Amino acid sequence: MSEHLLLAPLLESYFRRRLTKQRNATPATVASYRDALRMLILFAAARLRKKPAALALEELDRDLVLAFLDELEEKRNNSVATRNARLAAIRSFFHHVAAADPASFGVAQRVLTIPIKRTHIEVTYHLTKAEVDTLIAAPDPKTPRGRRDRTFLLFLARTGARVSEATGVNANDLQLERSHPQVLLRGKGRRDRVVPISKDLARALTTLLSERGITHYEPRPIFVGARNDRLTRFGATHIVRRAAAEAVAISPALADKPISPHIFRHSLAMKLLQSGVDLLTIQGWLGHAQVATTHRYAAADVEMMRNGLEKAGVAGDHGVRFRPNDAVLQLLNSI
């Protein structure tokens, strides 16, 4: 086997040069792609009964990658979206392989022919204002943890931040002393944005910073865990689930909804839309790269659709359905 087909040098050049230097990928992207390729390599090592360092590139062929993707769905119960995200990382690596090592072009090209699987677009769930308020009020304001939890939930609900954006905010990202407070959010793909802060959130943040002895100008995390380290995604999810468990007693309907940090983002978007805010403004607020992503909120608002039917004067009665009298047409119509 020729030396240029060894896997390790290609992996190193991919992460150190292509992703980091050439594409200037964010740390989150690098971590996501690293995890996907690590999982693939561990799968290949177990399947071929080799150590990861002994794997050759040509052993990561199309059949092995397909088997890996099947395992993600069938044994790990990953969604199609997660499967496609792993495949995107693998394809990115093999694009680099094709360019960096012409001798490996055939191997890379066969992997690159693996298609992205079509995924089912699920309904976008959101909470009512009363349900959001119930969740925010669930933590105990008499304890430091409860005050932190309540401020974190309020931050998610009022800013529409992604969980990574909320946990990544530092004190110097806040401008609370302005007549119109705002916060800098560092979004996906290096798309930073500034969003307004409501009065109740500004008060809660001021109190939290004062309690922790942090000034507005320090580059220190606002939300921290039990060990005073920056709050993690897992910690953020735990805060939301804990609040949901307490809030169900007051609002039983919450038990039937998929409560997660992201549902606050959906709920704010729906509230803005129902208040008459245009899609482009909501797109900028949420940090969507394309307005098509924001448009799903309009598609999810059944009440707006119903009002649209009433304004358009569309009747609910159906006309007589066409009934074919030809045998072949009847067959096709029944399918």
C-alpha atoms as a PDB file:
ATOM      1  CA  MET A   1       0.000   0.000   0.000  1.00  0.00           C
ATOM      2  CA  SER A   2       1.418   3.364  -0.960  1.00  0.00           C
ATOM      3  CA  GLU A   3       2.241   5.851   1.756  1.00  0.00           C
ATOM      4  CA  HIS A   4       0.030   8.584   0.349  1.00  0.00           C
ATOM      5  CA  LEU A   5      -3.074   6.495   1.048  1.00  0.00           C
ATOM      6  CA  LEU A   6      -2.481   6.490   4.816  1.00  0.00           C
ATOM      7  CA  LEU A   7      -5.391   8.012   6.695  1.00  0.00           C
ATOM      8  CA  ALA A   8      -3.622   9.904   9.479  1.00  0.00           C
ATOM      9  CA  PRO A   9      -1.750  12.508   7.361  1.00  0.00           C
ATOM     10  CA  LEU A  10      -4.894  13.345   5.409  1.00  0.00           C
ATOM     11  CA  LEU A  11      -6.891  13.810   8.595  1.00  0.00           C
ATOM     12  CA  GLU A  12      -4.236  16.079  10.037  1.00  0.00           C
ATOM     13  CA  SER A  13      -4.021  18.239   6.927  1.00  0.00           C
ATOM     14  CA  TYR A  14      -7.819  18.415   6.748  1.00  0.00           C
ATOM     15  CA  PHE A  15      -8.271  19.766  10.270  1.00  0.00           C
ATOM     16  CA  ARG A  16      -5.127  21.866  10.540  1.00  0.00           C
ATOM     17  CA  ARG A  17      -5.119  23.410   7.074  1.00  0.00           C
ATOM     18  CA  ARG A  18      -8.422  23.070   5.239  1.00  0.00           C
ATOM     19  CA  LEU A  19     -10.910  23.648   8.065  1.00  0.00           C
ATOM     20  CA  THR A  20      -8.898  25.952  10.321  1.00  0.00           C
ATOM     21  CA  LYS A  21      -6.791  28.018   7.927  1.00  0.00           C
ATOM     22  CA  GLN A  22      -8.470  27.832   4.522  1.00  0.00           C
ATOM     23  CA  ARG A  23     -12.137  27.812   5.522  1.00  0.00           C
ATOM     24  CA  ASN A  24     -11.747  29.616   8.871  1.00  0.00           C
ATOM     25  CA  ALA A  25     -14.325  27.263  10.358  1.00  0.00           C
ATOM     26  CA  THR A  26     -15.757  28.084  13.768  1.00  0.00           C
ATOM     27  CA  PRO A  27     -14.731  25.967  16.788  1.00  0.00           C
ATOM     28  CA  ALA A  28     -18.273  24.545  16.848  1.00  0.00           C
ATOM     29  CA  THR A  29     -17.972  23.376  13.218  1.00  0.00           C
ATOM     30  CA  VAL A  30     -14.537  21.863  13.834  1.00  0.00           C
ATOM     31  CA  ALA A  31     -15.859  20.022  16.891  1.00  0.00           C
ATOM     32  CA  SER A  32     -18.906  18.727  14.999  1.00  0.00           C
ATOM     33  CA  TYR A  33     -16.839  17.456  12.061  1.00  0.00           C
ATOM     34  CA  ARG A  34     -14.242  15.966  14.403  1.00  0.00           C
ATOM     35  CA  ASP A  35     -16.918  14.004  16.269  1.00  0.00           C
ATOM     36  CA  ALA A  36     -18.432  12.681  13.032  1.00  0.00           C
ATOM     37  CA  LEU A  37     -15.091  11.479  11.666  1.00  0.00           C
ATOM     38  CA  ARG A  38     -14.098  10.012  15.019  1.00  0.00           C
ATOM     39  CA  MET A  39     -17.302   7.976  15.069  1.00  0.00           C
ATOM     40  CA  LEU A  40     -16.666   6.783  11.513  1.00  0.00           C
ATOM     41  CA  ILE A  41     -13.095   5.753  12.327  1.00  0.00           C
ATOM     42  CA  LEU A  42     -14.121   3.884  15.474  1.00  0.00           C
ATOM     43  CA  PHE A  43     -16.846   2.116  13.489  1.00  0.00           C
ATOM     44  CA  ALA A  44     -14.353   1.153  10.774  1.00  0.00           C
ATOM     45  CA  ALA A  45     -11.782  -0.040  13.316  1.00  0.00           C
ATOM     46  CA  ALA A  46     -14.336  -2.271  15.030  1.00  0.00           C
ATOM     47  CA  ARG A  47     -15.694  -3.598  11.743  1.00  0.00           C
ATOM     48  CA  LEU A  48     -12.257  -4.327  10.261  1.00  0.00           C
ATOM     49  CA  ARG A  49     -10.733  -5.398  13.589  1.00  0.00           C
ATOM     50  CA  LYS A  50      -7.883  -2.933  13.311  1.00  0.00           C
ATOM     51  CA  LYS A  51      -6.515  -0.174  15.447  1.00  0.00           C
ATOM     52  CA  PRO A  52      -7.586   3.297  14.252  1.00  0.00           C
ATOM     53  CA  ALA A  53      -3.969   4.246  13.513  1.00  0.00           C
ATOM     54  CA  ALA A  54      -3.629   1.235  11.218  1.00  0.00           C
ATOM     55  CA  LEU A  55      -6.565   2.155   8.976  1.00  0.00           C
ATOM     56  CA  ALA A  56      -5.877   3.090   5.376  1.00  0.00           C
ATOM     57  CA  LEU A  57      -7.976   5.563   3.454  1.00  0.00           C
ATOM     58  CA  GLU A  58      -9.084   3.031   0.854  1.00  0.00           C
ATOM     59  CA  GLU A  59     -10.706   0.993   3.636  1.00  0.00           C
ATOM     60  CA  LEU A  60     -13.157   3.838   4.247  1.00  0.00           C
ATOM     61  CA  ASP A  61     -14.958   2.974   1.040  1.00  0.00           C
ATOM     62  CA  ARG A  62     -18.514   3.694  -0.008  1.00  0.00           C
ATOM     63  CA  ASP A  63     -19.937   0.457   1.422  1.00  0.00           C
ATOM     64  CA  LEU A  64     -18.367   1.044   4.820  1.00  0.00           C
ATOM     65  CA  VAL A  65     -19.634   4.636   4.998  1.00  0.00           C
ATOM     66  CA  LEU A  66     -23.146   3.477   4.055  1.00  0.00           C
ATOM     67  CA  ALA A  67     -22.994   0.804   6.767  1.00  0.00           C
ATOM     68  CA  PHE A  68     -21.933   3.475   9.261  1.00  0.00           C
ATOM     69  CA  LEU A  69     -24.854   5.724   8.288  1.00  0.00           C
ATOM     70  CA  ASP A  70     -27.260   2.808   8.613  1.00  0.00           C
ATOM     71  CA  GLU A  71     -25.969   2.088  12.119  1.00  0.00           C
ATOM     72  CA  LEU A  72     -26.569   5.701  13.125  1.00  0.00           C
ATOM     73  CA  GLU A  73     -30.248   5.373  12.279  1.00  0.00           C
ATOM     74  CA  GLU A  74     -30.918   1.750  13.194  1.00  0.00           C
ATOM     75  CA  LYS A  75     -28.802   1.181  16.323  1.00  0.00           C
ATOM     76  CA  ARG A  76     -28.149   4.675  17.653  1.00  0.00           C
ATOM     77  CA  ASN A  77     -31.668   5.868  16.785  1.00  0.00           C
ATOM     78  CA  ASN A  78     -30.316   9.061  15.249  1.00  0.00           C
ATOM     79  CA  SER A  79     -32.717  11.158  13.208  1.00  0.00           C
ATOM     80  CA  VAL A  80     -32.351  11.575   9.453  1.00  0.00           C
ATOM     81  CA  ALA A  81     -31.199  15.142  10.076  1.00  0.00           C
ATOM     82  CA  THR A  82     -28.389  13.903  12.337  1.00  0.00           C
ATOM     83  CA  ARG A  83     -27.467  11.253   9.782  1.00  0.00           C
ATOM     84  CA  ASN A  84     -27.243  13.927   7.092  1.00  0.00           C
ATOM     85  CA  ALA A  85     -25.116  16.151   9.336  1.00  0.00           C
ATOM     86  CA  ARG A  86     -22.622  13.291   9.849  1.00  0.00           C
ATOM     87  CA  LEU A  87     -22.580  12.641   6.126  1.00  0.00           C
ATOM     88  CA  ALA A  88     -21.893  16.328   5.434  1.00  0.00           C
ATOM     89  CA  ALA A  89     -18.771  16.126   7.604  1.00  0.00           C
ATOM     90  CA  ILE A  90     -17.618  12.942   5.865  1.00  0.00           C
ATOM     91  CA  ARG A  91     -18.179  14.444   2.428  1.00  0.00           C
ATOM     92  CA  SER A  92     -16.255  17.561   3.412  1.00  0.00           C
ATOM     93  CA  PHE A  93     -13.294  15.393   4.375  1.00  0.00           C
ATOM     94  CA  PHE A  94     -13.403  13.423   1.124  1.00  0.00           C
ATOM     95  CA  HIS A  95     -13.581  16.651  -0.903  1.00  0.00           C
ATOM     96  CA  HIS A  96     -10.265  17.493   0.766  1.00  0.00           C
ATOM     97  CA  VAL A  97      -8.935  14.015   0.002  1.00  0.00           C
ATOM     98  CA  ALA A  98      -9.786  14.352  -3.694  1.00  0.00           C
ATOM     99  CA  ALA A  99      -7.948  17.682  -3.894  1.00  0.00           C
ATOM    100  CA  ALA A 100      -4.969  16.810  -1.704  1.00  0.00           C
ATOM    101  CA  ASP A 101      -4.198  13.327  -3.005  1.00  0.00           C
ATOM    102  CA  PRO A 102      -4.997  12.663  -6.686  1.00  0.00           C
ATOM    103  CA  ALA A 103      -4.205   8.987  -6.193  1.00  0.00           C
ATOM    104  CA  SER A 104      -7.168   8.770  -3.808  1.00  0.00           C
ATOM    105  CA  PHE A 105      -9.587  10.458  -6.198  1.00  0.00           C
ATOM    106  CA  GLY A 106     -11.429   7.243  -7.055  1.00  0.00           C
ATOM    107  CA  VAL A 107     -12.035   6.339  -3.415  1.00  0.00           C
ATOM    108  CA  ALA A 108     -13.191   9.873  -2.639  1.00  0.00           C
ATOM    109  CA  GLN A 109     -15.475  10.110  -5.655  1.00  0.00           C
ATOM    110  CA  ARG A 110     -17.349   6.939  -4.742  1.00  0.00           C
ATOM    111  CA  VAL A 111     -18.002   8.235  -1.219  1.00  0.00           C
ATOM    112  CA  LEU A 112     -19.094  11.611  -2.581  1.00  0.00           C
ATOM    113  CA  THR A 113     -21.844   9.925  -4.604  1.00  0.00           C
ATOM    114  CA  ILE A 114     -23.677   8.987  -1.384  1.00  0.00           C
ATOM    115  CA  PRO A 115     -26.816  11.160  -1.446  1.00  0.00           C
ATOM    116  CA  ILE A 116     -28.286  13.208   1.360  1.00  0.00           C
ATOM    117  CA  LYS A 117     -31.414  11.444   2.594  1.00  0.00           C
ATOM    118  CA  ARG A 118     -34.653  13.372   2.368  1.00  0.00           C
ATOM    119  CA  THR A 119     -36.037  14.171   5.785  1.00  0.00           C
ATOM    120  CA  HIS A 120     -39.509  14.740   7.122  1.00  0.00           C
ATOM    121  CA  ILE A 121     -40.096  18.347   8.176  1.00  0.00           C
ATOM    122  CA  GLU A 122     -41.749  18.176  11.564  1.00  0.00           C
ATOM    123  CA  VAL A 123     -44.311  20.585  12.971  1.00  0.00           C
ATOM    124  CA  THR A 124     -42.757  23.611  14.686  1.00  0.00           C
ATOM    125  CA  TYR A 125     -44.034  23.565  18.260  1.00  0.00           C
ATOM    126  CA  HIS A 126     -44.332  26.719  20.320  1.00  0.00           C
ATOM    127  CA  LEU A 127     -45.689  27.832  23.671  1.00  0.00           C
ATOM    128  CA  THR A 128     -48.361  30.371  24.497  1.00  0.00           C
ATOM    129  CA  LYS A 129     -47.440  33.499  26.439  1.00  0.00           C
ATOM    130  CA  ALA A 130     -49.052  32.033  29.554  1.00  0.00           C
ATOM    131  CA  GLU A 131     -47.026  28.820  29.228  1.00  0.00           C
ATOM    132  CA  VAL A 132     -43.774  30.755  28.760  1.00  0.00           C
ATOM    133  CA  ASP A 133     -44.558  32.870  31.824  1.00  0.00           C
ATOM    134  CA  THR A 134     -45.331  29.737  33.840  1.00  0.00           C
ATOM    135  CA  LEU A 135     -41.962  28.190  32.951  1.00  0.00           C
ATOM    136  CA  ILE A 136     -40.078  31.389  33.803  1.00  0.00           C
ATOM    137  CA  ALA A 137     -41.826  31.630  37.173  1.00  0.00           C
ATOM    138  CA  ALA A 138     -41.124  27.984  38.103  1.00  0.00           C
ATOM    139  CA  PRO A 139     -37.618  28.351  39.677  1.00  0.00           C
ATOM    140  CA  ASP A 140     -37.431  29.417  43.314  1.00  0.00           C
ATOM    141  CA  PRO A 141     -36.376  33.098  43.476  1.00  0.00           C
ATOM    142  CA  LYS A 142     -35.248  32.682  47.096  1.00  0.00           C
ATOM    143  CA  THR A 143     -32.180  30.614  46.153  1.00  0.00           C
ATOM    144  CA  PRO A 144     -29.126  31.595  44.065  1.00  0.00           C
ATOM    145  CA  ARG A 145     -29.756  28.669  41.727  1.00  0.00           C
ATOM    146  CA  GLY A 146     -33.388  29.618  41.323  1.00  0.00           C
ATOM    147  CA  ARG A 147     -32.509  33.224  40.498  1.00  0.00           C
ATOM    148  CA  ARG A 148     -29.958  32.076  37.937  1.00  0.00           C
ATOM    149  CA  ASP A 149     -32.423  29.632  36.390  1.00  0.00           C
ATOM    150  CA  ARG A 150     -35.163  32.251  36.189  1.00  0.00           C
ATOM    151  CA  THR A 151     -32.831  34.783  34.552  1.00  0.00           C
ATOM    152  CA  PHE A 152     -31.598  32.175  32.067  1.00  0.00           C
ATOM    153  CA  LEU A 153     -35.141  31.180  31.088  1.00  0.00           C
ATOM    154  CA  LEU A 154     -36.065  34.842  30.762  1.00  0.00           C
ATOM    155  CA  PHE A 155     -33.019  35.392  28.533  1.00  0.00           C
ATOM    156  CA  LEU A 156     -34.062  32.557  26.210  1.00  0.00           C
ATOM    157  CA  ALA A 157     -37.656  33.763  26.081  1.00  0.00           C
ATOM    158  CA  ARG A 158     -36.952  37.450  25.471  1.00  0.00           C
ATOM    159  CA  THR A 159     -33.984  37.240  23.088  1.00  0.00           C
ATOM    160  CA  GLY A 160     -34.799  34.080  21.104  1.00  0.00           C
ATOM    161  CA  ALA A 161     -31.151  33.060  21.423  1.00  0.00           C
ATOM    162  CA  ARG A 162     -29.939  29.597  20.562  1.00  0.00           C
ATOM    163  CA  VAL A 163     -28.744  27.713  23.625  1.00  0.00           C
ATOM    164  CA  SER A 164     -25.091  28.022  22.508  1.00  0.00           C
ATOM    165  CA  GLU A 165     -25.563  31.766  22.035  1.00  0.00           C
ATOM    166  CA  ALA A 166     -27.129  32.194  25.476  1.00  0.00           C
ATOM    167  CA  THR A 167     -24.469  30.204  27.307  1.00  0.00           C
ATOM    168  CA  GLY A 168     -21.738  32.012  25.354  1.00  0.00           C
ATOM    169  CA  VAL A 169     -22.765  35.532  26.421  1.00  0.00           C
ATOM    170  CA  ASN A 170     -20.265  37.436  28.580  1.00  0.00           C
ATOM    171  CA  ALA A 171     -20.913  40.445  30.780  1.00  0.00           C
ATOM    172  CA  ASN A 172     -19.144  42.759  28.310  1.00  0.00           C
ATOM    173  CA  ASP A 173     -21.577  41.666  25.593  1.00  0.00           C
ATOM    174  CA  LEU A 174     -24.342  43.473  27.476  1.00  0.00           C
ATOM    175  CA  GLN A 175     -25.243  47.128  27.222  1.00  0.00           C
ATOM    176  CA  LEU A 176     -27.644  47.548  30.113  1.00  0.00           C
ATOM    177  CA  GLU A 177     -26.973  51.202  30.875  1.00  0.00           C
ATOM    178  CA  ARG A 178     -28.358  52.445  27.562  1.00  0.00           C
ATOM    179  CA  SER A 179     -31.868  53.861  27.292  1.00  0.00           C
ATOM    180  CA  HIS A 180     -32.569  50.846  25.069  1.00  0.00           C
ATOM    181  CA  PRO A 181     -30.584  47.871  26.488  1.00  0.00           C
ATOM    182  CA  GLN A 182     -29.171  45.310  24.050  1.00  0.00           C
ATOM    183  CA  VAL A 183     -26.937  42.269  23.876  1.00  0.00           C
ATOM    184  CA  LEU A 184     -24.439  40.923  21.360  1.00  0.00           C
ATOM    185  CA  LEU A 185     -25.114  37.314  20.348  1.00  0.00           C
ATOM    186  CA  ARG A 186     -22.469  35.273  18.551  1.00  0.00           C
ATOM    187  CA  GLY A 187     -24.401  33.143  16.097  1.00  0.00           C
ATOM    188  CA  LYS A 188     -23.747  30.180  13.832  1.00  0.00           C
ATOM    189  CA  GLY A 189     -21.272  30.636  11.001  1.00  0.00           C
ATOM    190  CA  ARG A 190     -19.723  33.733  12.612  1.00  0.00           C
ATOM    191  CA  ARG A 191     -22.950  35.674  12.090  1.00  0.00           C
ATOM    192  CA  ASP A 192     -23.010  37.983  15.109  1.00  0.00           C
ATOM    193  CA  ARG A 193     -26.055  40.136  15.785  1.00  0.00           C
ATOM    194  CA  VAL A 194     -27.343  42.617  18.348  1.00  0.00           C
ATOM    195  CA  VAL A 195     -30.841  42.146  19.753  1.00  0.00           C
ATOM    196  CA  PRO A 196     -32.841  44.318  22.162  1.00  0.00           C
ATOM    197  CA  ILE A 197     -33.285  43.444  25.816  1.00  0.00           C
ATOM    198  CA  SER A 198     -36.665  43.860  27.488  1.00  0.00           C
ATOM    199  CA  LYS A 199     -36.966  45.796  30.738  1.00  0.00           C
ATOM    200  CA  ASP A 200     -37.701  42.762  32.887  1.00  0.00           C
ATOM    201  CA  LEU A 201     -34.692  40.914  31.460  1.00  0.00           C
ATOM    202  CA  ALA A 202     -32.457  43.973  31.968  1.00  0.00           C
ATOM    203  CA  ARG A 203     -33.469  44.114  35.639  1.00  0.00           C
ATOM    204  CA  ALA A 204     -32.878  40.379  36.121  1.00  0.00           C
ATOM    205  CA  LEU A 205     -29.443  40.523  34.459  1.00  0.00           C
ATOM    206  CA  THR A 206     -28.411  43.560  36.524  1.00  0.00           C
ATOM    207  CA  THR A 207     -29.403  41.761  39.714  1.00  0.00           C
ATOM    208  CA  LEU A 208     -27.580  38.571  38.693  1.00  0.00           C
ATOM    209  CA  LEU A 209     -24.365  40.405  37.804  1.00  0.00           C
ATOM    210  CA  SER A 210     -24.492  42.364  41.050  1.00  0.00           C
ATOM    211  CA  GLU A 211     -25.015  39.179  43.034  1.00  0.00           C
ATOM    212  CA  ARG A 212     -21.968  37.602  41.408  1.00  0.00           C
ATOM    213  CA  GLY A 213     -19.859  40.740  41.761  1.00  0.00           C
ATOM    214  CA  ILE A 214     -19.350  41.221  37.998  1.00  0.00           C
ATOM    215  CA  THR A 215     -19.248  44.567  36.221  1.00  0.00           C
ATOM    216  CA  HIS A 216     -20.735  45.112  32.757  1.00  0.00           C
ATOM    217  CA  TYR A 217     -17.283  45.443  31.216  1.00  0.00           C
ATOM    218  CA  GLU A 218     -15.724  42.134  32.224  1.00  0.00           C
ATOM    219  CA  PRO A 219     -15.306  39.296  29.695  1.00  0.00           C
ATOM    220  CA  ARG A 220     -16.754  36.782  32.139  1.00  0.00           C
ATOM    221  CA  PRO A 221     -19.668  34.410  31.499  1.00  0.00           C
ATOM    222  CA  ILE A 222     -23.047  35.501  32.815  1.00  0.00           C
ATOM    223  CA  PHE A 223     -24.494  32.034  33.289  1.00  0.00           C
ATOM    224  CA  VAL A 224     -22.348  29.538  35.192  1.00  0.00           C
ATOM    225  CA  GLY A 225     -22.787  26.086  36.652  1.00  0.00           C
ATOM    226  CA  ALA A 226     -22.257  24.703  40.141  1.00  0.00           C
ATOM    227  CA  ARG A 227     -18.450  24.898  39.787  1.00  0.00           C
ATOM    228  CA  ASN A 228     -18.567  28.473  38.568  1.00  0.00           C
ATOM    229  CA  ASP A 229     -17.638  27.395  35.030  1.00  0.00           C
ATOM    230  CA  ARG A 230     -19.552  28.551  31.965  1.00  0.00           C
ATOM    231  CA  LEU A 231     -22.923  26.844  31.721  1.00  0.00           C
ATOM    232  CA  THR A 232     -22.857  23.942  29.258  1.00  0.00           C
ATOM    233  CA  ARG A 233     -25.511  22.867  26.763  1.00  0.00           C
ATOM    234  CA  PHE A 234     -26.315  19.937  29.037  1.00  0.00           C
ATOM    235  CA  GLY A 235     -26.674  22.269  32.015  1.00  0.00           C
ATOM    236  CA  ALA A 236     -28.942  24.594  30.040  1.00  0.00           C
ATOM    237  CA  THR A 237     -31.174  21.689  29.005  1.00  0.00           C
ATOM    238  CA  HIS A 238     -31.315  20.517  32.625  1.00  0.00           C
ATOM    239  CA  ILE A 239     -32.475  23.978  33.767  1.00  0.00           C
ATOM    240  CA  VAL A 240     -35.311  23.975  31.238  1.00  0.00           C
ATOM    241  CA  ARG A 241     -36.407  20.429  32.047  1.00  0.00           C
ATOM    242  CA  ARG A 242     -36.342  21.114  35.779  1.00  0.00           C
ATOM    243  CA  ALA A 243     -38.514  24.182  35.300  1.00  0.00           C
ATOM    244  CA  ALA A 244     -40.884  22.223  33.053  1.00  0.00           C
ATOM    245  CA  ALA A 245     -41.281  19.480  35.654  1.00  0.00           C
ATOM    246  CA  GLU A 246     -42.297  22.085  38.244  1.00  0.00           C
ATOM    247  CA  ALA A 247     -44.528  24.049  35.857  1.00  0.00           C
ATOM    248  CA  VAL A 248     -46.633  21.063  34.757  1.00  0.00           C
ATOM    249  CA  ALA A 249     -48.542  21.215  38.039  1.00  0.00           C
ATOM    250  CA  ILE A 250     -49.751  24.715  37.132  1.00  0.00           C
ATOM    251  CA  SER A 251     -50.095  24.203  33.379  1.00  0.00           C
ATOM    252  CA  PRO A 252     -50.809  20.500  32.636  1.00  0.00           C
ATOM    253  CA  ALA A 253     -50.755  21.154  28.866  1.00  0.00           C
ATOM    254  CA  LEU A 254     -46.957  21.515  29.090  1.00  0.00           C
ATOM    255  CA  ALA A 255     -46.695  17.765  29.674  1.00  0.00           C
ATOM    256  CA  ASP A 256     -47.679  17.135  26.048  1.00  0.00           C
ATOM    257  CA  LYS A 257     -45.175  19.549  24.493  1.00  0.00           C
ATOM    258  CA  PRO A 258     -41.490  18.870  23.658  1.00  0.00           C
ATOM    259  CA  ILE A 259     -39.947  21.304  26.140  1.00  0.00           C
ATOM    260  CA  SER A 260     -36.340  22.233  25.348  1.00  0.00           C
ATOM    261  CA  PRO A 261     -34.267  25.446  25.290  1.00  0.00           C
ATOM    262  CA  HIS A 262     -35.082  25.814  21.580  1.00  0.00           C
ATOM    263  CA  ILE A 263     -38.845  26.011  22.131  1.00  0.00           C
ATOM    264  CA  PHE A 264     -38.407  29.493  23.640  1.00  0.00           C
ATOM    265  CA  ARG A 265     -36.878  30.581  20.329  1.00  0.00           C
ATOM    266  CA  HIS A 266     -39.838  29.187  18.389  1.00  0.00           C
ATOM    267  CA  SER A 267     -42.275  30.794  20.802  1.00  0.00           C
ATOM    268  CA  LEU A 268     -40.728  34.260  20.465  1.00  0.00           C
ATOM    269  CA  ALA A 269     -40.715  33.963  16.673  1.00  0.00           C
ATOM    270  CA  MET A 270     -44.406  33.050  16.622  1.00  0.00           C
ATOM    271  CA  LYS A 271     -45.262  35.909  18.989  1.00  0.00           C
ATOM    272  CA  LEU A 272     -43.390  38.411  16.804  1.00  0.00           C
ATOM    273  CA  LEU A 273     -45.106  37.073  13.689  1.00  0.00           C
ATOM    274  CA  GLN A 274     -48.571  37.226  15.254  1.00  0.00           C
ATOM    275  CA  SER A 275     -47.838  40.790  16.380  1.00  0.00           C
ATOM    276  CA  GLY A 276     -47.325  41.831  12.758  1.00  0.00           C
ATOM    277  CA  VAL A 277     -43.521  41.862  12.619  1.00  0.00           C
ATOM    278  CA  ASP A 278     -42.346  41.089   9.065  1.00  0.00           C
ATOM    279  CA  LEU A 279     -40.328  37.978   8.217  1.00  0.00           C
ATOM    280  CA  LEU A 280     -37.148  39.876   7.311  1.00  0.00           C
ATOM    281  CA  THR A 281     -37.048  41.520  10.737  1.00  0.00           C
ATOM    282  CA  ILE A 282     -37.627  38.156  12.434  1.00  0.00           C
ATOM    283  CA  GLN A 283     -34.895  36.645  10.249  1.00  0.00           C
ATOM    284  CA  GLY A 284     -32.420  39.271  11.436  1.00  0.00           C
ATOM    285  CA  TRP A 285     -33.540  38.887  15.043  1.00  0.00           C
ATOM    286  CA  LEU A 286     -33.092  35.096  15.067  1.00  0.00           C
ATOM    287  CA  GLY A 287     -29.919  35.125  12.957  1.00  0.00           C
ATOM    288  CA  HIS A 288     -31.235  32.886  10.164  1.00  0.00           C
ATOM    289  CA  ALA A 289     -29.008  32.744   7.099  1.00  0.00           C
ATOM    290  CA  GLN A 290     -32.039  32.506   4.788  1.00  0.00           C
ATOM    291  CA  VAL A 291     -35.532  33.902   5.086  1.00  0.00           C
ATOM    292  CA  ALA A 292     -36.874  30.505   3.973  1.00  0.00           C
ATOM    293  CA  THR A 293     -35.934  29.190   7.415  1.00  0.00           C
ATOM    294  CA  THR A 294     -37.964  31.956   9.048  1.00  0.00           C
ATOM    295  CA  HIS A 295     -40.913  31.307   6.733  1.00  0.00           C
ATOM    296  CA  ARG A 296     -41.705  28.031   8.494  1.00  0.00           C
ATOM    297  CA  TYR A 297     -43.170  30.031  11.377  1.00  0.00           C
ATOM    298  CA  ALA A 298     -45.711  31.551   9.026  1.00  0.00           C
ATOM    299  CA  ALA A 299     -46.507  28.065   7.750  1.00  0.00           C
ATOM    300  CA  ALA A 300     -46.949  26.813  11.328  1.00  0.00           C
ATOM    301  CA  ASP A 301     -49.447  29.452  12.422  1.00  0.00           C
ATOM    302  CA  VAL A 302     -52.816  27.782  11.831  1.00  0.00           C
ATOM    303  CA  GLU A 303     -54.743  30.709  13.314  1.00  0.00           C
ATOM    304  CA  MET A 304     -53.233  33.127  10.797  1.00  0.00           C
ATOM    305  CA  MET A 305     -54.153  30.716   8.001  1.00  0.00           C
ATOM    306  CA  ARG A 306     -57.719  30.503   9.292  1.00  0.00           C
ATOM    307  CA  ASN A 307     -57.984  34.288   9.440  1.00  0.00           C
ATOM    308  CA  GLY A 308     -56.630  34.432   5.908  1.00  0.00           C
ATOM    309  CA  LEU A 309     -59.411  32.140   4.701  1.00  0.00           C
ATOM    310  CA  GLU A 310     -62.029  34.302   6.362  1.00  0.00           C
ATOM    311  CA  LYS A 311     -60.612  37.515   4.879  1.00  0.00           C
ATOM    312  CA  ALA A 312     -60.436  35.914   1.435  1.00  0.00           C
ATOM    313  CA  GLY A 313     -64.043  34.756   1.694  1.00  0.00           C
ATOM    314  CA  VAL A 314     -63.123  31.174   0.870  1.00  0.00           C
ATOM    315  CA  ALA A 315     -66.083  28.869   1.531  1.00  0.00           C
ATOM    316  CA  GLY A 316     -65.615  25.633   3.404  1.00  0.00           C
ATOM    317  CA  ASP A 317     -67.980  23.665   1.161  1.00  0.00           C
ATOM    318  CA  HIS A 318     -66.403  21.291  -1.328  1.00  0.00           C
ATOM    319  CA  GLY A 319     -67.741  20.930  -4.846  1.00  0.00           C
ATOM    320  CA  VAL A 320     -68.638  17.674  -6.468  1.00  0.00           C
ATOM    321  CA  ARG A 321     -65.569  15.513  -6.905  1.00  0.00           C
ATOM    322  CA  PHE A 322     -64.693  14.293 -10.384  1.00  0.00           C
ATOM    323  CA  ARG A 323     -65.610  10.631 -10.829  1.00  0.00           C
ATOM    324  CA  PRO A 324     -63.975   8.980 -13.835  1.00  0.00           C
ATOM    325  CA  ASN A 325     -66.057   6.499 -15.798  1.00  0.00           C
ATOM    326  CA  ASP A 326     -63.099   4.883 -17.556  1.00  0.00           C
ATOM    327  CA  ALA A 327     -61.745   1.703 -15.897  1.00  0.00           C
ATOM    328  CA  VAL A 328     -58.100   2.750 -16.219  1.00  0.00           C
ATOM    329  CA  LEU A 329     -58.778   6.216 -14.839  1.00  0.00           C
ATOM    330  CA  GLN A 330     -60.742   4.687 -11.967  1.00  0.00           C
ATOM    331  CA  LEU A 331     -57.750   2.503 -11.144  1.00  0.00           C
ATOM    332  CA  LEU A 332     -55.367   5.447 -11.136  1.00  0.00           C
ATOM    333  CA  ASN A 333     -57.766   7.541  -9.103  1.00  0.00           C
ATOM    334  CA  SER A 334     -57.935   4.866  -6.399  1.00  0.00           C
ATOM    335  CA  ILE A 335     -54.160   4.762  -5.906  1.00  0.00           C
END
